[in-house]
C-alpha atoms as a PDB file:
ATOM      1  CA  MET A   1      29.646  -9.901  -7.050  1.00  0.00           C
ATOM      2  CA  PRO A   2      31.400  -9.354  -9.921  1.00  0.00           C
ATOM      3  CA  ALA A   3      30.076  -7.916 -12.835  1.00  0.00           C
ATOM      4  CA  ASP A   4      29.690 -11.372 -15.074  1.00  0.00           C
ATOM      5  CA  PRO A   5      28.759  -9.924 -18.626  1.00  0.00           C
ATOM      6  CA  ASP A   6      27.805 -13.855 -19.484  1.00  0.00           C
ATOM      7  CA  ASN A   7      24.918 -13.190 -16.496  1.00  0.00           C
ATOM      8  CA  ASP A   8      24.305  -9.843 -16.854  1.00  0.00           C
ATOM      9  CA  VAL A   9      20.397  -9.020 -18.184  1.00  0.00           C
ATOM     10  CA  THR A  10      20.329  -5.808 -19.731  1.00  0.00           C
ATOM     11  CA  GLY A  11      16.979  -4.781 -20.325  1.00  0.00           C
ATOM     12  CA  LEU A  12      14.834  -3.892 -24.434  1.00  0.00           C
ATOM     13  CA  PRO A  13      12.994  -0.269 -24.306  1.00  0.00           C
ATOM     14  CA  PRO A  14       9.682  -0.606 -24.063  1.00  0.00           C
ATOM     15  CA  VAL A  15       7.174  -1.125 -26.976  1.00  0.00           C
ATOM     16  CA  VAL A  16       4.766   2.090 -27.082  1.00  0.00           C
ATOM     17  CA  GLY A  17       3.228   5.164 -28.646  1.00  0.00           C
ATOM     18  CA  GLY A  18       0.798   6.750 -29.335  1.00  0.00           C
ATOM     19  CA  GLN A  19      -2.474   6.588 -26.611  1.00  0.00           C
ATOM     20  CA  PRO A  20      -2.059   3.076 -24.745  1.00  0.00           C
ATOM     21  CA  VAL A  21      -4.649   1.647 -22.460  1.00  0.00           C
ATOM     22  CA  ALA A  22      -2.835  -1.269 -21.530  1.00  0.00           C
ATOM     23  CA  LEU A  23       0.864  -2.668 -20.786  1.00  0.00           C
ATOM     24  CA  PHE A  24       2.016  -6.189 -21.145  1.00  0.00           C
ATOM     25  CA  LEU A  25       4.708  -6.759 -18.981  1.00  0.00           C
ATOM     26  CA  GLY A  26       7.663 -10.256 -19.193  1.00  0.00           C
ATOM     27  CA  ASN A  27      10.216 -10.236 -15.746  1.00  0.00           C
ATOM     28  CA  ALA A  28      12.620  -9.796 -18.191  1.00  0.00           C
ATOM     29  CA  PRO A  29      13.995 -10.864 -21.855  1.00  0.00           C
ATOM     30  CA  SER A  30      15.185 -13.884 -22.537  1.00  0.00           C
ATOM     31  CA  VAL A  31      18.534 -14.981 -24.260  1.00  0.00           C
ATOM     32  CA  LEU A  32      16.946 -15.391 -27.178  1.00  0.00           C
ATOM     33  CA  SER A  33      15.157 -11.372 -26.986  1.00  0.00           C
ATOM     34  CA  LEU A  34      18.396  -9.938 -25.861  1.00  0.00           C
ATOM     35  CA  ALA A  35      19.930 -11.608 -29.233  1.00  0.00           C
ATOM     36  CA  ARG A  36      17.533 -10.746 -31.689  1.00  0.00           C
ATOM     37  CA  GLN A  37      17.029  -7.481 -29.540  1.00  0.00           C
ATOM     38  CA  GLN A  38      12.990  -8.138 -30.279  1.00  0.00           C
ATOM     39  CA  TYR A  39      10.534  -8.412 -26.782  1.00  0.00           C
ATOM     40  CA  TYR A  40       9.152 -12.129 -26.686  1.00  0.00           C
ATOM     41  CA  GLY A  41      11.826 -13.290 -29.421  1.00  0.00           C
ATOM     42  CA  ASN A  42      11.963 -17.582 -28.425  1.00  0.00           C
ATOM     43  CA  PRO A  43       9.819 -18.398 -31.002  1.00  0.00           C
ATOM     44  CA  ARG A  44       8.761 -21.295 -29.098  1.00  0.00           C
ATOM     45  CA  ASN A  45       6.797 -18.020 -26.893  1.00  0.00           C
ATOM     46  CA  ALA A  46       3.135 -17.863 -27.186  1.00  0.00           C
ATOM     47  CA  PHE A  47       2.748 -13.905 -26.884  1.00  0.00           C
ATOM     48  CA  TRP A  48       3.140 -13.263 -30.947  1.00  0.00           C
ATOM     49  CA  PRO A  49       0.625 -16.181 -31.770  1.00  0.00           C
ATOM     50  CA  ILE A  50      -2.338 -14.934 -29.253  1.00  0.00           C
ATOM     51  CA  MET A  51      -1.528 -12.034 -30.042  1.00  0.00           C
ATOM     52  CA  GLY A  52      -1.903 -12.168 -33.717  1.00  0.00           C
ATOM     53  CA  SER A  53      -4.410 -14.270 -33.225  1.00  0.00           C
ATOM     54  CA  LEU A  54      -6.753 -11.601 -31.378  1.00  0.00           C
ATOM     55  CA  LEU A  55      -5.334  -8.481 -33.180  1.00  0.00           C
ATOM     56  CA  GLY A  56      -5.769  -9.684 -36.885  1.00  0.00           C
ATOM     57  CA  PHE A  57      -1.619 -10.123 -37.890  1.00  0.00           C
ATOM     58  CA  ALA A  58       0.472 -13.192 -38.637  1.00  0.00           C
ATOM     59  CA  ALA A  59       2.268 -14.251 -35.960  1.00  0.00           C
ATOM     60  CA  ASP A  60       5.663 -14.514 -37.972  1.00  0.00           C
ATOM     61  CA  ALA A  61       5.051 -10.809 -39.281  1.00  0.00           C
ATOM     62  CA  PRO A  62       8.425  -8.810 -39.375  1.00  0.00           C
ATOM     63  CA  TYR A  63       8.728  -7.723 -35.707  1.00  0.00           C
ATOM     64  CA  PRO A  64       8.495  -4.102 -36.886  1.00  0.00           C
ATOM     65  CA  GLN A  65       5.267  -4.874 -38.189  1.00  0.00           C
ATOM     66  CA  ARG A  66       4.205  -7.094 -34.786  1.00  0.00           C
ATOM     67  CA  THR A  67       4.876  -3.891 -32.307  1.00  0.00           C
ATOM     68  CA  ALA A  68       2.811  -1.597 -34.874  1.00  0.00           C
ATOM     69  CA  ALA A  69      -0.318  -3.609 -34.701  1.00  0.00           C
ATOM     70  CA  LEU A  70       0.586  -3.870 -30.594  1.00  0.00           C
ATOM     71  CA  VAL A  71       1.116  -0.289 -30.938  1.00  0.00           C
ATOM     72  CA  ALA A  72      -2.250   0.931 -33.298  1.00  0.00           C
ATOM     73  CA  ALA A  73      -4.585  -1.512 -30.639  1.00  0.00           C
ATOM     74  CA  GLY A  74      -3.420   0.584 -27.522  1.00  0.00           C
ATOM     75  CA  HIS A  75      -0.887  -1.453 -26.127  1.00  0.00           C
ATOM     76  CA  ALA A  76       2.637  -1.270 -25.056  1.00  0.00           C
ATOM     77  CA  VAL A  77       5.091  -4.156 -23.902  1.00  0.00           C
ATOM     78  CA  TRP A  78       8.278  -3.800 -21.613  1.00  0.00           C
ATOM     79  CA  ASP A  79       9.431  -5.500 -18.322  1.00  0.00           C
ATOM     80  CA  VAL A  80       9.356  -5.774 -15.214  1.00  0.00           C
ATOM     81  CA  LEU A  81      13.728  -5.840 -14.799  1.00  0.00           C
ATOM     82  CA  ALA A  82      15.928  -3.182 -16.168  1.00  0.00           C
ATOM     83  CA  PHE A  83      18.675  -4.933 -15.357  1.00  0.00           C
ATOM     84  CA  CYS A  84      19.777  -8.976 -13.434  1.00  0.00           C
ATOM     85  CA  ARG A  85      22.046 -11.576 -13.037  1.00  0.00           C
ATOM     86  CA  ARG A  86      20.754 -14.547 -14.135  1.00  0.00           C
ATOM     87  CA  THR A  87      22.443 -17.857 -16.277  1.00  0.00           C
ATOM     88  CA  GLY A  88      20.384 -19.067 -18.884  1.00  0.00           C
ATOM     89  CA  SER A  89      16.617 -17.736 -19.642  1.00  0.00           C
ATOM     90  CA  LEU A  90      14.418 -18.848 -16.753  1.00  0.00           C
ATOM     91  CA  ASP A  91      12.792 -16.458 -14.236  1.00  0.00           C
ATOM     92  CA  SER A  92      13.685 -19.445 -11.483  1.00  0.00           C
ATOM     93  CA  ALA A  93      17.358 -18.562 -12.618  1.00  0.00           C
ATOM     94  CA  VAL A  94      17.369 -14.527 -11.373  1.00  0.00           C
ATOM     95  CA  GLU A  95      19.329 -13.563  -8.819  1.00  0.00           C
ATOM     96  CA  ARG A  96      17.142 -11.932  -6.496  1.00  0.00           C
ATOM     97  CA  GLU A  97      19.645  -9.263  -5.134  1.00  0.00           C
ATOM     98  CA  SER A  98      20.790  -8.957  -8.766  1.00  0.00           C
ATOM     99  CA  MET A  99      17.506  -7.010  -9.629  1.00  0.00           C
ATOM    100  CA  VAL A 100      17.199  -3.851 -10.757  1.00  0.00           C
ATOM    101  CA  VAL A 101      13.120  -2.204 -11.420  1.00  0.00           C
ATOM    102  CA  ASN A 102      12.468  -0.196 -14.654  1.00  0.00           C
ATOM    103  CA  ASP A 103      11.197   3.460 -13.740  1.00  0.00           C
ATOM    104  CA  PHE A 104       7.896   2.934 -13.725  1.00  0.00           C
ATOM    105  CA  GLU A 105       6.689   6.192 -12.006  1.00  0.00           C
ATOM    106  CA  THR A 106       8.516   8.152 -15.245  1.00  0.00           C
ATOM    107  CA  PHE A 107       6.679   5.723 -17.343  1.00  0.00           C
ATOM    108  CA  PHE A 108       2.811   5.938 -16.436  1.00  0.00           C
ATOM    109  CA  ALA A 109       3.652   9.817 -15.726  1.00  0.00           C
ATOM    110  CA  THR A 110       4.376   9.769 -19.660  1.00  0.00           C
ATOM    111  CA  TRP A 111       1.980   7.095 -20.560  1.00  0.00           C
ATOM    112  CA  PRO A 112      -1.275   8.426 -17.588  1.00  0.00           C
ATOM    113  CA  THR A 113      -3.794   7.089 -20.959  1.00  0.00           C
ATOM    114  CA  ILE A 114      -3.088   3.451 -19.389  1.00  0.00           C
ATOM    115  CA  ARG A 115      -5.547   1.444 -17.549  1.00  0.00           C
ATOM    116  CA  ARG A 116      -4.691  -2.256 -17.039  1.00  0.00           C
ATOM    117  CA  VAL A 117      -1.223  -3.679 -16.725  1.00  0.00           C
ATOM    118  CA  TYR A 118      -1.223  -7.567 -17.354  1.00  0.00           C
ATOM    119  CA  PHE A 119       1.719  -9.196 -16.117  1.00  0.00           C
ATOM    120  CA  THR A 120       2.569 -12.531 -18.954  1.00  0.00           C
ATOM    121  CA  GLY A 121       3.482 -14.341 -15.924  1.00  0.00           C
ATOM    122  CA  GLY A 122       4.020 -15.078 -12.514  1.00  0.00           C
ATOM    123  CA  ALA A 123       7.844 -13.388 -11.959  1.00  0.00           C
ATOM    124  CA  ALA A 124       6.423 -10.186 -13.252  1.00  0.00           C
ATOM    125  CA  GLN A 125       3.728  -9.953 -10.595  1.00  0.00           C
ATOM    126  CA  ILE A 126       5.676 -11.073  -8.079  1.00  0.00           C
ATOM    127  CA  ASN A 127       8.588  -8.506  -8.917  1.00  0.00           C
ATOM    128  CA  TYR A 128       6.628  -5.625 -10.089  1.00  0.00           C
ATOM    129  CA  ARG A 129       4.401  -6.050  -6.997  1.00  0.00           C
ATOM    130  CA  ARG A 130       7.777  -5.940  -4.759  1.00  0.00           C
ATOM    131  CA  LEU A 131       9.320  -3.571  -6.396  1.00  0.00           C
ATOM    132  CA  ALA A 132       7.895  -1.046  -8.608  1.00  0.00           C
ATOM    133  CA  PHE A 133       5.698   2.153  -8.518  1.00  0.00           C
ATOM    134  CA  ALA A 134       2.239   1.017  -8.879  1.00  0.00           C
ATOM    135  CA  PRO A 135      -0.407   3.683  -9.770  1.00  0.00           C
ATOM    136  CA  PRO A 136      -3.577   2.943  -7.651  1.00  0.00           C
ATOM    137  CA  GLU A 137      -5.996   3.818 -11.068  1.00  0.00           C
ATOM    138  CA  VAL A 138      -4.515   0.932 -12.211  1.00  0.00           C
ATOM    139  CA  GLU A 139      -6.089  -2.668 -12.823  1.00  0.00           C
ATOM    140  CA  TYR A 140      -3.686  -5.288 -12.923  1.00  0.00           C
ATOM    141  CA  VAL A 141      -4.104  -8.959 -14.751  1.00  0.00           C
ATOM    142  CA  ARG A 142      -2.015 -12.292 -14.653  1.00  0.00           C
ATOM    143  CA  LEU A 143      -2.246 -14.073 -17.108  1.00  0.00           C
ATOM    144  CA  PRO A 144      -0.846 -17.321 -17.773  1.00  0.00           C
ATOM    145  CA  SER A 145       2.601 -17.340 -19.211  1.00  0.00           C
ATOM    146  CA  THR A 146       3.855 -17.351 -22.903  1.00  0.00           C
ATOM    147  CA  SER A 147       6.777 -18.914 -22.479  1.00  0.00           C
ATOM    148  CA  PRO A 148       7.813 -22.802 -23.482  1.00  0.00           C
ATOM    149  CA  ALA A 149       8.463 -23.796 -20.303  1.00  0.00           C
ATOM    150  CA  HIS A 150       5.061 -23.174 -19.207  1.00  0.00           C
ATOM    151  CA  THR A 151       3.552 -25.856 -20.798  1.00  0.00           C
ATOM    152  CA  VAL A 152      -0.092 -25.380 -20.815  1.00  0.00           C
ATOM    153  CA  PRO A 153      -1.681 -25.426 -24.494  1.00  0.00           C
ATOM    154  CA  PHE A 154      -1.614 -22.904 -26.420  1.00  0.00           C
ATOM    155  CA  GLU A 155      -5.340 -23.258 -27.229  1.00  0.00           C
ATOM    156  CA  VAL A 156      -5.819 -22.778 -23.477  1.00  0.00           C
ATOM    157  CA  LYS A 157      -4.162 -19.970 -23.165  1.00  0.00           C
ATOM    158  CA  LEU A 158      -5.473 -18.523 -25.813  1.00  0.00           C
ATOM    159  CA  ALA A 159      -8.719 -18.749 -24.900  1.00  0.00           C
ATOM    160  CA  ALA A 160      -7.222 -16.699 -21.469  1.00  0.00           C
ATOM    161  CA  TRP A 161      -5.939 -14.346 -22.965  1.00  0.00           C
ATOM    162  CA  ARG A 162      -9.158 -13.623 -25.449  1.00  0.00           C
ATOM    163  CA  THR A 163     -11.436 -13.252 -22.025  1.00  0.00           C
ATOM    164  CA  ALA A 164      -8.601 -11.200 -19.751  1.00  0.00           C
ATOM    165  CA  LEU A 165      -8.530  -8.440 -23.050  1.00  0.00           C
ATOM    166  CA  GLY A 166     -12.012  -9.107 -23.929  1.00  0.00           C
ATOM    167  CA  TYR A 167     -10.967 -10.027 -27.680  1.00  0.00           C
END
C-alpha cells in the first residue's frame, strides 16, 4: 500500500529517565498527541488527571513538569507501535498490516530496572503480546483505558488505577 502522509502515524520517543520501575504503554499516539508532540495530548484523555491525582501534581501543569513528575516517581511512558497507518485516532482504525512495533528488546536492555508494564488500553496489550519482545521477569497489567472513547466514569478509572498501582 502506498504511503499516505495524512494517515501515517509515527510514534513519539519514550518519556523515561532515572531508574524506572514501571512502563505505561499505549498503542499509538492520537492525532492530538501527535500535533502537540505530547503523550495523552487530548485534554479529554484521563491519563494526566489520573496520574496527577496519584502523584500529587496538577493535571494541567506544563507538559515538562508532568513528565518530570512521572520520571521522578519511577515511571516511563511509551507506545507499542513505532509506526502504523490509521485514519483518525481510534485504535480500531489502525491497519493491522501497517503495524511496526517499537524496539522493546533494546529498551528493556537499556532500562533493566523496569519490573511492571501497564497497558493503558486493550489494543496496546493485544499488539504488544502479538508483536513485541516481552521479558519474562516483567509483570504485565492491563488498566482501564484512559481514552475519552472508553466511557467509564473517571472515578471508576481512577479507583482501578489506584488499586493496580498501589497508591
